[in-house]
């Protein structure tokens, strides 16, 4: 009976450790591409993703076409490349846009001006407070 209790406790411990790691690193693959959140960093690559993530000061990278991504919380740096991507973020410090018709909507920025530092290359890209 004592061995069974120890085995049960060890099994629960390993399951708990596995679940903790699963929460820190999540990855989704689809026919559209991939999306990964590893620690504080978010990476989305592909076509037509419609996903939400939580962030607490990490970096986010979105590349591809017609992705709609919502980031709840704070992203230190947001990089978007491709075409027709729409990103909603609560709080962001820096935004880098490359490509065409990519849109970033933010609620606030911790910069002195209240606007994120932006670098925009391409046509029809925009960063707007919402």
C-alpha atoms as a PDB file:
ATOM      1  CA  UNK A   1       0.000   0.000   0.000  1.00  0.00           C
ATOM      2  CA  UNK A   2       2.868   2.377   0.817  1.00  0.00           C
ATOM      3  CA  UNK A   3       4.446   1.789  -2.617  1.00  0.00           C
ATOM      4  CA  UNK A   4       1.129   2.564  -4.326  1.00  0.00           C
ATOM      5  CA  UNK A   5       0.859   5.901  -2.486  1.00  0.00           C
ATOM      6  CA  UNK A   6       4.407   6.852  -3.460  1.00  0.00           C
ATOM      7  CA  UNK A   7       3.774   5.868  -7.077  1.00  0.00           C
ATOM      8  CA  UNK A   8       0.576   7.929  -7.134  1.00  0.00           C
ATOM      9  CA  UNK A   9       2.327  10.974  -5.654  1.00  0.00           C
ATOM     10  CA  UNK A  10       5.203  10.747  -8.135  1.00  0.00           C
ATOM     11  CA  UNK A  11       2.741  10.364 -11.029  1.00  0.00           C
ATOM     12  CA  UNK A  12       0.784  13.442  -9.946  1.00  0.00           C
ATOM     13  CA  UNK A  13       4.032  15.377  -9.619  1.00  0.00           C
ATOM     14  CA  UNK A  14       5.102  14.504 -13.175  1.00  0.00           C
ATOM     15  CA  UNK A  15       1.665  15.371 -14.566  1.00  0.00           C
ATOM     16  CA  UNK A  16       1.793  18.748 -12.791  1.00  0.00           C
ATOM     17  CA  UNK A  17       5.251  19.497 -14.197  1.00  0.00           C
ATOM     18  CA  UNK A  18       4.065  18.539 -17.688  1.00  0.00           C
ATOM     19  CA  UNK A  19       1.022  20.811 -17.466  1.00  0.00           C
ATOM     20  CA  UNK A  20       3.167  23.701 -16.260  1.00  0.00           C
ATOM     21  CA  UNK A  21       5.464  23.337 -19.276  1.00  0.00           C
ATOM     22  CA  UNK A  22       2.487  23.088 -21.619  1.00  0.00           C
ATOM     23  CA  UNK A  23       1.210  26.435 -20.356  1.00  0.00           C
ATOM     24  CA  UNK A  24       4.572  28.138 -20.903  1.00  0.00           C
ATOM     25  CA  UNK A  25       5.086  26.844 -24.434  1.00  0.00           C
ATOM     26  CA  UNK A  26       2.126  26.507 -26.737  1.00  0.00           C
ATOM     27  CA  UNK A  27       2.264  25.827 -30.428  1.00  0.00           C
ATOM     28  CA  UNK A  28      -0.536  25.436 -32.926  1.00  0.00           C
ATOM     29  CA  UNK A  29      -0.065  24.119 -36.421  1.00  0.00           C
ATOM     30  CA  UNK A  30      -2.727  24.301 -39.073  1.00  0.00           C
ATOM     31  CA  UNK A  31      -3.048  24.196 -42.801  1.00  0.00           C
ATOM     32  CA  UNK A  32      -2.649  27.968 -42.585  1.00  0.00           C
ATOM     33  CA  UNK A  33       0.794  27.980 -40.963  1.00  0.00           C
ATOM     34  CA  UNK A  34       1.974  28.060 -37.356  1.00  0.00           C
ATOM     35  CA  UNK A  35       1.461  30.089 -34.221  1.00  0.00           C
ATOM     36  CA  UNK A  36       3.687  29.767 -31.187  1.00  0.00           C
ATOM     37  CA  UNK A  37       3.838  31.358 -27.770  1.00  0.00           C
ATOM     38  CA  UNK A  38       7.085  30.490 -26.034  1.00  0.00           C
ATOM     39  CA  UNK A  39       7.589  32.223 -22.733  1.00  0.00           C
ATOM     40  CA  UNK A  40       6.882  35.906 -23.348  1.00  0.00           C
ATOM     41  CA  UNK A  41       7.335  35.765 -27.141  1.00  0.00           C
ATOM     42  CA  UNK A  42       4.577  35.237 -29.697  1.00  0.00           C
ATOM     43  CA  UNK A  43       5.162  34.164 -33.319  1.00  0.00           C
ATOM     44  CA  UNK A  44       2.434  33.810 -35.946  1.00  0.00           C
ATOM     45  CA  UNK A  45       3.236  32.795 -39.512  1.00  0.00           C
ATOM     46  CA  UNK A  46       0.773  31.887 -42.230  1.00  0.00           C
ATOM     47  CA  UNK A  47      -2.550  32.779 -43.779  1.00  0.00           C
ATOM     48  CA  UNK A  48      -5.909  33.547 -42.173  1.00  0.00           C
ATOM     49  CA  UNK A  49      -5.148  32.977 -38.486  1.00  0.00           C
ATOM     50  CA  UNK A  50      -7.729  34.411 -36.090  1.00  0.00           C
ATOM     51  CA  UNK A  51      -6.223  34.074 -32.622  1.00  0.00           C
ATOM     52  CA  UNK A  52      -5.850  35.723 -29.224  1.00  0.00           C
ATOM     53  CA  UNK A  53      -2.803  35.716 -26.954  1.00  0.00           C
ATOM     54  CA  UNK A  54      -1.811  37.123 -23.573  1.00  0.00           C
ATOM     55  CA  UNK A  55       1.469  38.965 -23.193  1.00  0.00           C
ATOM     56  CA  UNK A  56       3.346  40.550 -20.322  1.00  0.00           C
ATOM     57  CA  UNK A  57       6.184  42.503 -21.917  1.00  0.00           C
ATOM     58  CA  UNK A  58       7.357  40.082 -24.580  1.00  0.00           C
ATOM     59  CA  UNK A  59       7.803  40.522 -28.316  1.00  0.00           C
ATOM     60  CA  UNK A  60       5.256  39.546 -30.959  1.00  0.00           C
ATOM     61  CA  UNK A  61       5.959  38.746 -34.607  1.00  0.00           C
ATOM     62  CA  UNK A  62       3.192  38.310 -37.183  1.00  0.00           C
ATOM     63  CA  UNK A  63       4.004  37.429 -40.771  1.00  0.00           C
ATOM     64  CA  UNK A  64       1.760  36.282 -43.571  1.00  0.00           C
ATOM     65  CA  UNK A  65      -1.528  37.312 -45.114  1.00  0.00           C
ATOM     66  CA  UNK A  66      -4.938  38.213 -43.662  1.00  0.00           C
ATOM     67  CA  UNK A  67      -4.207  37.275 -40.059  1.00  0.00           C
ATOM     68  CA  UNK A  68      -6.316  38.773 -37.265  1.00  0.00           C
ATOM     69  CA  UNK A  69      -4.471  38.677 -33.935  1.00  0.00           C
ATOM     70  CA  UNK A  70      -5.520  40.053 -30.551  1.00  0.00           C
ATOM     71  CA  UNK A  71      -2.867  40.538 -27.878  1.00  0.00           C
ATOM     72  CA  UNK A  72      -4.211  41.126 -24.386  1.00  0.00           C
ATOM     73  CA  UNK A  73      -1.690  42.844 -22.152  1.00  0.00           C
ATOM     74  CA  UNK A  74       1.646  44.483 -22.952  1.00  0.00           C
ATOM     75  CA  UNK A  75       3.887  43.782 -25.949  1.00  0.00           C
ATOM     76  CA  UNK A  76       7.266  45.514 -25.836  1.00  0.00           C
ATOM     77  CA  UNK A  77       7.795  45.162 -29.590  1.00  0.00           C
ATOM     78  CA  UNK A  78       5.343  44.183 -32.317  1.00  0.00           C
ATOM     79  CA  UNK A  79       6.646  43.289 -35.784  1.00  0.00           C
ATOM     80  CA  UNK A  80       4.183  42.756 -38.640  1.00  0.00           C
ATOM     81  CA  UNK A  81       5.082  41.791 -42.201  1.00  0.00           C
ATOM     82  CA  UNK A  82       3.024  40.636 -45.138  1.00  0.00           C
ATOM     83  CA  UNK A  83      -0.318  41.898 -46.357  1.00  0.00           C
ATOM     84  CA  UNK A  84      -3.746  42.527 -44.881  1.00  0.00           C
ATOM     85  CA  UNK A  85      -2.884  41.650 -41.272  1.00  0.00           C
ATOM     86  CA  UNK A  86      -4.909  43.267 -38.479  1.00  0.00           C
ATOM     87  CA  UNK A  87      -3.487  43.321 -34.955  1.00  0.00           C
ATOM     88  CA  UNK A  88      -5.260  44.522 -31.803  1.00  0.00           C
ATOM     89  CA  UNK A  89      -2.985  45.112 -28.809  1.00  0.00           C
ATOM     90  CA  UNK A  90      -3.745  46.601 -25.396  1.00  0.00           C
ATOM     91  CA  UNK A  91      -0.343  48.212 -24.800  1.00  0.00           C
ATOM     92  CA  UNK A  92       2.751  48.423 -27.019  1.00  0.00           C
ATOM     93  CA  UNK A  93       6.065  50.324 -26.978  1.00  0.00           C
ATOM     94  CA  UNK A  94       7.390  49.759 -30.514  1.00  0.00           C
ATOM     95  CA  UNK A  95       5.705  48.763 -33.799  1.00  0.00           C
ATOM     96  CA  UNK A  96       7.523  47.721 -36.988  1.00  0.00           C
ATOM     97  CA  UNK A  97       5.357  47.328 -40.118  1.00  0.00           C
ATOM     98  CA  UNK A  98       6.499  45.988 -43.506  1.00  0.00           C
ATOM     99  CA  UNK A  99       4.354  45.083 -46.491  1.00  0.00           C
ATOM    100  CA  UNK A 100       0.942  46.364 -47.537  1.00  0.00           C
ATOM    101  CA  UNK A 101      -2.334  47.221 -45.791  1.00  0.00           C
ATOM    102  CA  UNK A 102      -1.296  45.959 -42.365  1.00  0.00           C
ATOM    103  CA  UNK A 103      -3.148  47.616 -39.478  1.00  0.00           C
ATOM    104  CA  UNK A 104      -2.255  47.840 -35.794  1.00  0.00           C
ATOM    105  CA  UNK A 105      -4.802  49.138 -33.285  1.00  0.00           C
ATOM    106  CA  UNK A 106      -3.545  49.876 -29.769  1.00  0.00           C
ATOM    107  CA  UNK A 107      -5.178  51.177 -26.594  1.00  0.00           C
ATOM    108  CA  UNK A 108      -2.125  52.731 -24.942  1.00  0.00           C
ATOM    109  CA  UNK A 109       1.643  53.054 -25.050  1.00  0.00           C
ATOM    110  CA  UNK A 110       4.076  53.576 -22.158  1.00  0.00           C
ATOM    111  CA  UNK A 111       6.170  56.066 -24.174  1.00  0.00           C
ATOM    112  CA  UNK A 112       6.394  59.744 -23.205  1.00  0.00           C
ATOM    113  CA  UNK A 113       4.171  60.725 -26.142  1.00  0.00           C
ATOM    114  CA  UNK A 114       1.597  58.022 -25.453  1.00  0.00           C
ATOM    115  CA  UNK A 115       2.165  56.722 -28.985  1.00  0.00           C
ATOM    116  CA  UNK A 116       4.322  53.702 -29.829  1.00  0.00           C
ATOM    117  CA  UNK A 117       7.612  54.246 -31.641  1.00  0.00           C
ATOM    118  CA  UNK A 118       6.872  53.188 -35.214  1.00  0.00           C
ATOM    119  CA  UNK A 119       8.807  52.109 -38.286  1.00  0.00           C
ATOM    120  CA  UNK A 120       6.638  51.711 -41.382  1.00  0.00           C
ATOM    121  CA  UNK A 121       7.802  50.371 -44.735  1.00  0.00           C
ATOM    122  CA  UNK A 122       5.357  49.681 -47.556  1.00  0.00           C
ATOM    123  CA  UNK A 123       2.002  50.959 -48.737  1.00  0.00           C
ATOM    124  CA  UNK A 124      -1.230  51.337 -46.797  1.00  0.00           C
ATOM    125  CA  UNK A 125       0.150  50.314 -43.388  1.00  0.00           C
ATOM    126  CA  UNK A 126      -1.167  52.106 -40.296  1.00  0.00           C
ATOM    127  CA  UNK A 127      -0.889  52.307 -36.508  1.00  0.00           C
ATOM    128  CA  UNK A 128      -3.916  53.800 -34.772  1.00  0.00           C
ATOM    129  CA  UNK A 129      -5.068  54.366 -31.232  1.00  0.00           C
ATOM    130  CA  UNK A 130      -8.435  52.777 -30.607  1.00  0.00           C
END
